[in-house]
Amino acid sequence: MRAGAHDLSLTVVGLDARLGALGLALGQVDDVRVELEDVRWSRWRARRATVVCRDVHVNPPAVLVASPVEFRVEVDFADVPELQPFSWLPLTVRLVGSELHVRLHKWLPARVFAVPELPRGIELTGVEQRDDHFVLTGAAPVLRERLTLGQLADVLRRLASIQSRTRSDTTSGISIWGT
């Protein structure tokens, strides 16, 4: 698949959604959490990513809307080709605008990595540093995806099918891991 101008590959390892029979009938899913592994986008690789879509619903005629959308992406220092020779050093990572500044040593200038343009209004909001990786966080205030009526029917059919297989109609949520 493509995200913006770049190819995207990933493995979905978890899905958590709050569903109810009435909500599905009205096109309202509320919050959806997707857990991903082995994410590859452009020249970037991430060990793990989490996307949380809040207030997911369908607007007429067939527009899937989530507002807001938040994400966390974990990137190993060793997965950044320019940092592989130095990944054993204690590195310092900062987010400056849409660039990552990685400092190998406090007296050396930072290496600057431009983050590819993110699709659909998604912006980076922060970076957290860990011993062997860093975590990028980001958000989009609203995400809209126009669907054909066939695509919309397929999404709702799959959600209804998952709900009926996992819990009774009186239960308000589903959780599917390892799908």
N, C-alpha and C. Protein backbone atom coordinates (compact mmCIF):
# COMPACT_ATOMS: atom_id res chain seq x y z
N MET A 1 0.84 -1.17 0.00
CA MET A 1 0.00 0.00 0.00
C MET A 1 0.89 1.23 0.00
N ARG A 2 0.25 2.39 -0.23
CA ARG A 2 1.00 3.64 -0.26
C ARG A 2 0.49 4.57 0.81
N ALA A 3 1.41 5.34 1.39
CA ALA A 3 1.07 6.39 2.35
C ALA A 3 1.80 7.64 1.88
N GLY A 4 1.06 8.59 1.37
CA GLY A 4 1.69 9.75 0.77
C GLY A 4 2.39 9.31 -0.50
N ALA A 5 3.63 9.73 -0.67
CA ALA A 5 4.38 9.41 -1.88
C ALA A 5 5.23 8.16 -1.73
N HIS A 6 5.10 7.43 -0.62
CA HIS A 6 6.00 6.30 -0.35
C HIS A 6 5.23 5.01 -0.14
N ASP A 7 5.89 3.89 -0.47
CA ASP A 7 5.31 2.58 -0.20
C ASP A 7 5.32 2.32 1.29
N LEU A 8 4.32 1.59 1.76
CA LEU A 8 4.18 1.27 3.17
C LEU A 8 3.89 -0.22 3.30
N SER A 9 4.65 -0.91 4.16
CA SER A 9 4.35 -2.30 4.47
C SER A 9 4.33 -2.43 5.98
N LEU A 10 3.47 -3.33 6.49
CA LEU A 10 3.32 -3.48 7.93
C LEU A 10 2.60 -4.79 8.22
N THR A 11 2.65 -5.19 9.49
CA THR A 11 1.93 -6.37 9.95
C THR A 11 1.00 -5.93 11.07
N VAL A 12 -0.30 -6.17 10.91
CA VAL A 12 -1.28 -5.86 11.95
C VAL A 12 -1.24 -7.01 12.96
N VAL A 13 -0.96 -6.69 14.22
CA VAL A 13 -0.90 -7.72 15.26
C VAL A 13 -2.00 -7.57 16.30
N GLY A 14 -2.75 -6.47 16.25
CA GLY A 14 -3.83 -6.31 17.20
C GLY A 14 -4.82 -5.26 16.77
N LEU A 15 -6.06 -5.48 17.17
CA LEU A 15 -7.14 -4.54 16.89
C LEU A 15 -8.05 -4.53 18.09
N ASP A 16 -8.36 -3.34 18.57
CA ASP A 16 -9.27 -3.20 19.70
C ASP A 16 -10.28 -2.12 19.32
N ALA A 17 -11.55 -2.46 19.35
CA ALA A 17 -12.59 -1.51 18.98
C ALA A 17 -13.77 -1.66 19.91
N ARG A 18 -14.44 -0.56 20.16
CA ARG A 18 -15.67 -0.56 20.97
C ARG A 18 -16.84 -0.53 20.00
N LEU A 19 -17.55 -1.63 19.95
CA LEU A 19 -18.68 -1.77 19.03
C LEU A 19 -19.94 -2.11 19.79
N GLY A 20 -21.04 -1.69 19.25
CA GLY A 20 -22.35 -2.09 19.74
C GLY A 20 -23.26 -2.24 18.55
N ALA A 21 -24.30 -3.02 18.68
CA ALA A 21 -25.20 -3.24 17.55
C ALA A 21 -25.81 -1.93 17.08
N LEU A 22 -26.24 -1.08 18.01
CA LEU A 22 -26.84 0.20 17.63
C LEU A 22 -25.80 1.10 16.96
N GLY A 23 -24.59 1.14 17.52
CA GLY A 23 -23.54 1.97 16.92
C GLY A 23 -23.21 1.54 15.50
N LEU A 24 -23.08 0.23 15.29
CA LEU A 24 -22.81 -0.27 13.94
C LEU A 24 -23.92 0.10 12.98
N ALA A 25 -25.16 -0.02 13.43
CA ALA A 25 -26.30 0.33 12.57
C ALA A 25 -26.27 1.80 12.19
N LEU A 26 -25.75 2.64 13.07
CA LEU A 26 -25.69 4.08 12.82
C LEU A 26 -24.37 4.52 12.19
N GLY A 27 -23.45 3.56 11.97
CA GLY A 27 -22.15 3.90 11.39
C GLY A 27 -21.20 4.52 12.40
N GLN A 28 -21.39 4.24 13.69
CA GLN A 28 -20.56 4.80 14.76
C GLN A 28 -19.74 3.67 15.40
N VAL A 29 -18.42 3.79 15.38
CA VAL A 29 -17.56 2.76 15.95
C VAL A 29 -16.87 3.25 17.21
N ASP A 30 -16.86 4.53 17.48
CA ASP A 30 -16.16 5.15 18.60
C ASP A 30 -14.65 5.01 18.40
N ASP A 31 -13.91 4.46 19.37
CA ASP A 31 -12.45 4.41 19.27
C ASP A 31 -11.97 3.07 18.70
N VAL A 32 -10.93 3.16 17.87
CA VAL A 32 -10.30 1.97 17.30
C VAL A 32 -8.81 2.08 17.55
N ARG A 33 -8.22 1.03 18.11
CA ARG A 33 -6.78 0.98 18.38
C ARG A 33 -6.19 -0.14 17.53
N VAL A 34 -5.14 0.18 16.76
CA VAL A 34 -4.49 -0.79 15.90
C VAL A 34 -3.03 -0.90 16.32
N GLU A 35 -2.57 -2.13 16.57
CA GLU A 35 -1.17 -2.40 16.91
C GLU A 35 -0.49 -2.98 15.68
N LEU A 36 0.66 -2.43 15.33
CA LEU A 36 1.40 -2.83 14.13
C LEU A 36 2.82 -3.22 14.49
N GLU A 37 3.40 -4.11 13.70
CA GLU A 37 4.82 -4.46 13.84
C GLU A 37 5.46 -4.47 12.46
N ASP A 38 6.79 -4.41 12.46
CA ASP A 38 7.59 -4.45 11.23
C ASP A 38 7.05 -3.47 10.19
N VAL A 39 7.00 -2.21 10.58
CA VAL A 39 6.50 -1.15 9.70
C VAL A 39 7.66 -0.62 8.87
N ARG A 40 7.45 -0.55 7.56
CA ARG A 40 8.47 -0.01 6.65
C ARG A 40 7.81 1.05 5.77
N TRP A 41 8.38 2.26 5.82
CA TRP A 41 7.86 3.38 5.06
C TRP A 41 9.02 4.23 4.57
N SER A 42 9.10 4.42 3.25
CA SER A 42 10.23 5.11 2.65
C SER A 42 11.50 4.37 3.07
N ARG A 43 12.47 5.05 3.62
CA ARG A 43 13.68 4.37 4.10
C ARG A 43 13.63 4.12 5.60
N TRP A 44 12.49 4.42 6.22
CA TRP A 44 12.31 4.26 7.66
C TRP A 44 11.78 2.88 7.98
N ARG A 45 12.21 2.35 9.10
CA ARG A 45 11.72 1.07 9.58
C ARG A 45 11.41 1.22 11.07
N ALA A 46 10.30 0.67 11.50
CA ALA A 46 9.91 0.76 12.91
C ALA A 46 9.60 -0.64 13.43
N ARG A 47 10.02 -0.91 14.66
CA ARG A 47 9.74 -2.22 15.25
C ARG A 47 8.28 -2.36 15.64
N ARG A 48 7.66 -1.26 16.04
CA ARG A 48 6.29 -1.31 16.54
C ARG A 48 5.64 0.05 16.34
N ALA A 49 4.33 0.02 16.11
CA ALA A 49 3.56 1.27 16.00
C ALA A 49 2.17 1.03 16.56
N THR A 50 1.60 2.08 17.10
CA THR A 50 0.23 2.05 17.61
C THR A 50 -0.51 3.24 17.03
N VAL A 51 -1.69 2.99 16.48
CA VAL A 51 -2.52 4.05 15.94
C VAL A 51 -3.86 4.00 16.68
N VAL A 52 -4.28 5.13 17.22
CA VAL A 52 -5.57 5.21 17.90
C VAL A 52 -6.42 6.23 17.15
N CYS A 53 -7.53 5.74 16.61
CA CYS A 53 -8.49 6.58 15.90
C CYS A 53 -9.67 6.79 16.84
N ARG A 54 -9.94 8.03 17.17
CA ARG A 54 -11.02 8.34 18.11
C ARG A 54 -12.27 8.81 17.36
N ASP A 55 -13.41 8.56 17.97
CA ASP A 55 -14.71 8.98 17.42
C ASP A 55 -14.83 8.60 15.94
N VAL A 56 -14.64 7.32 15.65
CA VAL A 56 -14.72 6.83 14.27
C VAL A 56 -16.20 6.71 13.89
N HIS A 57 -16.55 7.31 12.77
CA HIS A 57 -17.93 7.24 12.31
C HIS A 57 -17.98 7.45 10.80
N VAL A 58 -19.14 7.22 10.24
CA VAL A 58 -19.34 7.38 8.80
C VAL A 58 -20.27 8.56 8.57
N ASN A 59 -19.81 9.51 7.74
CA ASN A 59 -20.63 10.64 7.32
C ASN A 59 -21.19 10.35 5.93
N PRO A 60 -22.40 10.85 5.62
CA PRO A 60 -22.95 10.63 4.29
C PRO A 60 -22.10 11.35 3.24
N PRO A 61 -22.00 10.88 2.01
CA PRO A 61 -22.60 9.64 1.58
C PRO A 61 -21.82 8.41 2.01
N ALA A 62 -20.51 8.45 1.99
CA ALA A 62 -19.70 7.30 2.43
C ALA A 62 -18.29 7.78 2.77
N VAL A 63 -18.18 8.58 3.83
CA VAL A 63 -16.88 9.10 4.25
C VAL A 63 -16.59 8.60 5.65
N LEU A 64 -15.51 7.85 5.78
CA LEU A 64 -15.07 7.35 7.08
C LEU A 64 -14.29 8.47 7.75
N VAL A 65 -14.65 8.82 8.99
CA VAL A 65 -14.05 9.96 9.69
C VAL A 65 -13.54 9.50 11.05
N ALA A 66 -12.35 9.95 11.41
CA ALA A 66 -11.80 9.74 12.75
C ALA A 66 -11.26 11.08 13.22
N SER A 67 -11.56 11.42 14.48
CA SER A 67 -11.14 12.72 14.98
C SER A 67 -10.96 12.68 16.49
N PRO A 68 -9.75 12.83 16.95
CA PRO A 68 -8.46 12.89 16.25
C PRO A 68 -7.88 11.49 16.02
N VAL A 69 -6.73 11.46 15.35
CA VAL A 69 -5.95 10.23 15.16
C VAL A 69 -4.59 10.46 15.81
N GLU A 70 -4.17 9.53 16.68
CA GLU A 70 -2.89 9.65 17.38
C GLU A 70 -2.04 8.43 17.07
N PHE A 71 -0.72 8.61 17.04
CA PHE A 71 0.13 7.45 16.81
C PHE A 71 1.42 7.53 17.61
N ARG A 72 2.00 6.35 17.84
CA ARG A 72 3.32 6.18 18.46
C ARG A 72 4.09 5.20 17.59
N VAL A 73 5.32 5.53 17.27
CA VAL A 73 6.16 4.67 16.43
C VAL A 73 7.50 4.48 17.13
N GLU A 74 7.88 3.20 17.35
CA GLU A 74 9.16 2.89 17.98
C GLU A 74 10.19 2.55 16.92
N VAL A 75 11.31 3.27 16.91
CA VAL A 75 12.37 3.07 15.92
C VAL A 75 13.66 2.72 16.64
N ASP A 76 14.26 1.58 16.29
CA ASP A 76 15.55 1.20 16.84
C ASP A 76 16.64 2.07 16.23
N PHE A 77 17.62 2.49 17.05
CA PHE A 77 18.75 3.25 16.50
C PHE A 77 19.45 2.43 15.42
N ALA A 78 19.53 1.12 15.60
CA ALA A 78 20.21 0.26 14.63
C ALA A 78 19.47 0.19 13.30
N ASP A 79 18.19 0.58 13.26
CA ASP A 79 17.43 0.55 12.01
C ASP A 79 17.57 1.82 11.19
N VAL A 80 18.32 2.78 11.69
CA VAL A 80 18.61 4.00 10.92
C VAL A 80 20.00 3.81 10.33
N PRO A 81 20.09 3.57 8.99
CA PRO A 81 21.37 3.20 8.38
C PRO A 81 22.54 4.11 8.76
N GLU A 82 22.31 5.42 8.82
CA GLU A 82 23.39 6.35 9.14
C GLU A 82 23.87 6.23 10.58
N LEU A 83 23.06 5.62 11.43
CA LEU A 83 23.43 5.50 12.85
C LEU A 83 23.95 4.12 13.23
N GLN A 84 23.87 3.16 12.32
CA GLN A 84 24.28 1.80 12.65
C GLN A 84 25.69 1.72 13.22
N PRO A 85 26.67 2.41 12.64
CA PRO A 85 28.01 2.30 13.21
C PRO A 85 28.12 2.90 14.62
N PHE A 86 27.15 3.74 14.99
CA PHE A 86 27.21 4.43 16.28
C PHE A 86 26.12 3.99 17.25
N SER A 87 25.32 3.01 16.88
CA SER A 87 24.14 2.66 17.68
C SER A 87 24.50 2.16 19.07
N TRP A 88 25.75 1.80 19.30
CA TRP A 88 26.17 1.35 20.62
C TRP A 88 26.50 2.53 21.54
N LEU A 89 26.65 3.73 20.96
CA LEU A 89 26.94 4.92 21.76
C LEU A 89 25.65 5.45 22.41
N PRO A 90 25.77 6.18 23.51
CA PRO A 90 24.57 6.83 24.06
C PRO A 90 24.20 8.03 23.18
N LEU A 91 23.14 7.89 22.41
CA LEU A 91 22.73 8.92 21.48
C LEU A 91 21.64 9.80 22.11
N THR A 92 21.60 11.06 21.68
CA THR A 92 20.58 11.99 22.14
C THR A 92 19.73 12.39 20.94
N VAL A 93 18.40 12.27 21.08
CA VAL A 93 17.49 12.56 19.97
C VAL A 93 16.55 13.69 20.38
N ARG A 94 16.38 14.66 19.46
CA ARG A 94 15.43 15.76 19.67
C ARG A 94 14.63 15.96 18.39
N LEU A 95 13.42 16.43 18.55
CA LEU A 95 12.59 16.78 17.41
C LEU A 95 12.62 18.30 17.27
N VAL A 96 13.07 18.77 16.11
CA VAL A 96 13.11 20.21 15.82
C VAL A 96 12.30 20.42 14.55
N GLY A 97 11.10 20.94 14.71
CA GLY A 97 10.20 21.06 13.56
C GLY A 97 9.85 19.67 13.06
N SER A 98 10.12 19.41 11.79
CA SER A 98 9.87 18.07 11.24
C SER A 98 11.18 17.33 10.99
N GLU A 99 12.21 17.68 11.75
CA GLU A 99 13.51 17.02 11.61
C GLU A 99 13.91 16.37 12.93
N LEU A 100 14.59 15.24 12.80
CA LEU A 100 15.18 14.60 13.97
C LEU A 100 16.63 15.02 14.05
N HIS A 101 17.04 15.50 15.22
CA HIS A 101 18.43 15.86 15.46
C HIS A 101 19.01 14.82 16.40
N VAL A 102 20.00 14.08 15.90
CA VAL A 102 20.63 13.02 16.69
C VAL A 102 22.06 13.42 16.98
N ARG A 103 22.38 13.52 18.24
CA ARG A 103 23.71 13.92 18.67
C ARG A 103 24.45 12.68 19.16
N LEU A 104 25.63 12.46 18.57
CA LEU A 104 26.46 11.31 18.95
C LEU A 104 27.24 11.59 20.23
N HIS A 105 27.58 12.83 20.43
CA HIS A 105 28.35 13.24 21.61
C HIS A 105 28.02 14.70 21.86
N LYS A 106 28.06 15.12 23.10
CA LYS A 106 27.65 16.49 23.41
C LYS A 106 28.52 17.55 22.73
N TRP A 107 29.75 17.21 22.32
CA TRP A 107 30.62 18.19 21.67
C TRP A 107 30.58 18.11 20.15
N LEU A 108 29.89 17.12 19.62
CA LEU A 108 29.81 16.99 18.16
C LEU A 108 28.48 17.58 17.68
N PRO A 109 28.48 18.11 16.45
CA PRO A 109 27.22 18.64 15.93
C PRO A 109 26.21 17.50 15.70
N ALA A 110 24.96 17.83 15.79
CA ALA A 110 23.90 16.83 15.61
C ALA A 110 23.80 16.45 14.13
N ARG A 111 23.47 15.20 13.89
CA ARG A 111 23.11 14.75 12.54
C ARG A 111 21.62 15.03 12.38
N VAL A 112 21.26 15.59 11.25
CA VAL A 112 19.88 16.00 11.03
C VAL A 112 19.24 15.06 10.00
N PHE A 113 18.06 14.54 10.35
CA PHE A 113 17.32 13.65 9.48
C PHE A 113 15.95 14.27 9.22
N ALA A 114 15.70 14.59 7.96
CA ALA A 114 14.38 15.12 7.60
C ALA A 114 13.39 13.97 7.57
N VAL A 115 12.29 14.13 8.24
CA VAL A 115 11.24 13.11 8.22
C VAL A 115 10.44 13.33 6.94
N PRO A 116 10.17 12.26 6.18
CA PRO A 116 9.39 12.44 4.94
C PRO A 116 8.05 13.09 5.25
N GLU A 117 7.51 13.78 4.26
CA GLU A 117 6.22 14.43 4.45
C GLU A 117 5.17 13.40 4.83
N LEU A 118 4.49 13.67 5.90
CA LEU A 118 3.47 12.75 6.39
C LEU A 118 2.15 13.00 5.67
N PRO A 119 1.40 11.95 5.38
CA PRO A 119 0.16 12.12 4.63
C PRO A 119 -0.98 12.69 5.47
N ARG A 120 -1.91 13.34 4.80
CA ARG A 120 -3.22 13.72 5.33
C ARG A 120 -3.22 14.55 6.60
N GLY A 121 -2.31 15.49 6.70
CA GLY A 121 -2.35 16.40 7.85
C GLY A 121 -1.77 15.84 9.13
N ILE A 122 -1.13 14.68 9.06
CA ILE A 122 -0.51 14.10 10.25
C ILE A 122 0.76 14.88 10.56
N GLU A 123 0.95 15.25 11.81
CA GLU A 123 2.14 15.99 12.22
C GLU A 123 2.82 15.29 13.38
N LEU A 124 4.15 15.38 13.42
CA LEU A 124 4.89 14.88 14.57
C LEU A 124 4.67 15.81 15.75
N THR A 125 4.48 15.23 16.93
CA THR A 125 4.25 16.06 18.12
C THR A 125 5.34 15.90 19.17
N GLY A 126 6.17 14.86 19.06
CA GLY A 126 7.20 14.68 20.06
C GLY A 126 8.08 13.48 19.79
N VAL A 127 9.12 13.39 20.59
CA VAL A 127 10.02 12.23 20.53
C VAL A 127 10.42 11.88 21.96
N GLU A 128 10.41 10.59 22.28
CA GLU A 128 10.86 10.10 23.57
C GLU A 128 12.07 9.22 23.33
N GLN A 129 13.08 9.39 24.14
CA GLN A 129 14.31 8.62 23.96
C GLN A 129 14.36 7.46 24.94
N ARG A 130 14.78 6.30 24.44
CA ARG A 130 15.01 5.11 25.24
C ARG A 130 16.47 4.70 25.04
N ASP A 131 16.90 3.64 25.72
CA ASP A 131 18.30 3.23 25.61
C ASP A 131 18.69 2.82 24.20
N ASP A 132 17.88 1.98 23.55
CA ASP A 132 18.25 1.46 22.24
C ASP A 132 17.31 1.89 21.12
N HIS A 133 16.34 2.75 21.43
CA HIS A 133 15.40 3.21 20.42
C HIS A 133 14.79 4.55 20.83
N PHE A 134 14.04 5.12 19.91
CA PHE A 134 13.30 6.33 20.23
C PHE A 134 11.86 6.13 19.78
N VAL A 135 10.96 6.91 20.37
CA VAL A 135 9.54 6.81 20.08
C VAL A 135 9.06 8.14 19.53
N LEU A 136 8.55 8.11 18.31
CA LEU A 136 7.95 9.30 17.71
C LEU A 136 6.46 9.30 18.00
N THR A 137 5.93 10.45 18.37
CA THR A 137 4.49 10.57 18.56
C THR A 137 3.96 11.61 17.58
N GLY A 138 2.72 11.44 17.22
CA GLY A 138 2.13 12.37 16.28
C GLY A 138 0.63 12.30 16.30
N ALA A 139 0.01 13.20 15.56
CA ALA A 139 -1.45 13.26 15.55
C ALA A 139 -1.94 14.00 14.31
N ALA A 140 -3.19 13.75 14.01
CA ALA A 140 -3.93 14.53 13.00
C ALA A 140 -5.24 14.92 13.66
N PRO A 141 -5.66 16.18 13.52
CA PRO A 141 -6.90 16.59 14.17
C PRO A 141 -8.12 15.84 13.63
N VAL A 142 -8.12 15.55 12.34
CA VAL A 142 -9.21 14.80 11.74
C VAL A 142 -8.68 14.07 10.51
N LEU A 143 -9.18 12.87 10.28
CA LEU A 143 -8.78 12.09 9.11
C LEU A 143 -10.07 11.66 8.42
N ARG A 144 -10.16 11.94 7.12
CA ARG A 144 -11.34 11.58 6.33
C ARG A 144 -10.91 10.70 5.17
N GLU A 145 -11.65 9.64 4.94
CA GLU A 145 -11.37 8.73 3.83
C GLU A 145 -12.67 8.46 3.10
N ARG A 146 -12.74 8.91 1.86
CA ARG A 146 -13.95 8.67 1.05
C ARG A 146 -13.91 7.21 0.61
N LEU A 147 -15.02 6.53 0.82
CA LEU A 147 -15.15 5.13 0.44
C LEU A 147 -16.25 4.98 -0.60
N THR A 148 -16.09 3.98 -1.45
CA THR A 148 -17.22 3.63 -2.31
C THR A 148 -18.25 2.95 -1.43
N LEU A 149 -19.49 2.89 -1.89
CA LEU A 149 -20.52 2.22 -1.09
C LEU A 149 -20.17 0.75 -0.88
N GLY A 150 -19.53 0.13 -1.88
CA GLY A 150 -19.09 -1.26 -1.74
C GLY A 150 -18.04 -1.41 -0.65
N GLN A 151 -17.07 -0.49 -0.61
CA GLN A 151 -16.04 -0.53 0.43
C GLN A 151 -16.65 -0.32 1.81
N LEU A 152 -17.57 0.64 1.92
CA LEU A 152 -18.22 0.91 3.19
C LEU A 152 -19.01 -0.30 3.66
N ALA A 153 -19.78 -0.93 2.76
CA ALA A 153 -20.55 -2.13 3.12
C ALA A 153 -19.61 -3.24 3.58
N ASP A 154 -18.45 -3.37 2.91
CA ASP A 154 -17.48 -4.41 3.29
C ASP A 154 -16.92 -4.15 4.69
N VAL A 155 -16.56 -2.88 5.00
CA VAL A 155 -16.04 -2.53 6.32
C VAL A 155 -17.07 -2.86 7.39
N LEU A 156 -18.30 -2.41 7.19
CA LEU A 156 -19.35 -2.65 8.19
C LEU A 156 -19.66 -4.14 8.32
N ARG A 157 -19.67 -4.88 7.21
CA ARG A 157 -19.91 -6.33 7.25
C ARG A 157 -18.81 -7.04 8.05
N ARG A 158 -17.55 -6.64 7.81
CA ARG A 158 -16.43 -7.27 8.54
C ARG A 158 -16.51 -6.95 10.04
N LEU A 159 -16.81 -5.70 10.37
CA LEU A 159 -16.93 -5.34 11.78
C LEU A 159 -18.06 -6.11 12.45
N ALA A 160 -19.20 -6.21 11.77
CA ALA A 160 -20.34 -6.95 12.32
C ALA A 160 -19.99 -8.43 12.47
N SER A 161 -19.26 -8.97 11.51
CA SER A 161 -18.87 -10.38 11.55
C SER A 161 -17.92 -10.64 12.72
N ILE A 162 -16.98 -9.73 12.92
CA ILE A 162 -16.04 -9.87 14.03
C ILE A 162 -16.78 -9.81 15.34
N GLN A 163 -17.72 -8.87 15.44
CA GLN A 163 -18.46 -8.72 16.68
C GLN A 163 -19.27 -9.98 16.98
N SER A 164 -19.95 -10.54 15.99
CA SER A 164 -20.78 -11.71 16.24
C SER A 164 -19.95 -12.93 16.59
N ARG A 165 -18.73 -13.03 16.10
CA ARG A 165 -17.86 -14.16 16.42
C ARG A 165 -17.20 -14.03 17.77
N THR A 166 -17.00 -12.81 18.25
CA THR A 166 -16.22 -12.63 19.47
C THR A 166 -17.05 -12.45 20.72
N ARG A 167 -18.18 -11.76 20.61
CA ARG A 167 -18.99 -11.50 21.80
C ARG A 167 -20.46 -11.40 21.40
N SER A 168 -21.33 -11.44 22.37
CA SER A 168 -22.76 -11.29 22.09
C SER A 168 -23.07 -9.84 21.77
N ASP A 169 -24.26 -9.61 21.18
CA ASP A 169 -24.66 -8.24 20.81
C ASP A 169 -24.82 -7.34 22.01
N THR A 170 -24.94 -7.88 23.20
CA THR A 170 -25.12 -7.03 24.37
C THR A 170 -23.80 -6.52 24.91
N THR A 171 -22.69 -7.04 24.42
CA THR A 171 -21.37 -6.61 24.87
C THR A 171 -20.94 -5.41 24.04
N SER A 172 -20.32 -4.42 24.68
CA SER A 172 -20.03 -3.17 23.99
C SER A 172 -18.64 -3.11 23.37
N GLY A 173 -17.86 -4.18 23.41
CA GLY A 173 -16.53 -4.06 22.85
C GLY A 173 -16.01 -5.35 22.29
N ILE A 174 -14.97 -5.23 21.45
CA ILE A 174 -14.27 -6.39 20.95
C ILE A 174 -12.79 -6.15 21.12
N SER A 175 -12.07 -7.22 21.20
CA SER A 175 -10.62 -7.13 21.21
C SER A 175 -10.09 -8.34 20.47
N ILE A 176 -9.34 -8.08 19.43
CA ILE A 176 -8.82 -9.16 18.60
C ILE A 176 -7.31 -9.02 18.56
N TRP A 177 -6.59 -9.99 19.02
CA TRP A 177 -5.14 -9.94 19.00
C TRP A 177 -4.62 -11.10 18.19
N GLY A 178 -3.55 -10.86 17.46
CA GLY A 178 -2.93 -11.90 16.65
C GLY A 178 -3.65 -12.12 15.34
N THR A 179 -4.36 -11.10 14.84
CA THR A 179 -5.06 -11.24 13.56
C THR A 179 -4.18 -10.82 12.43
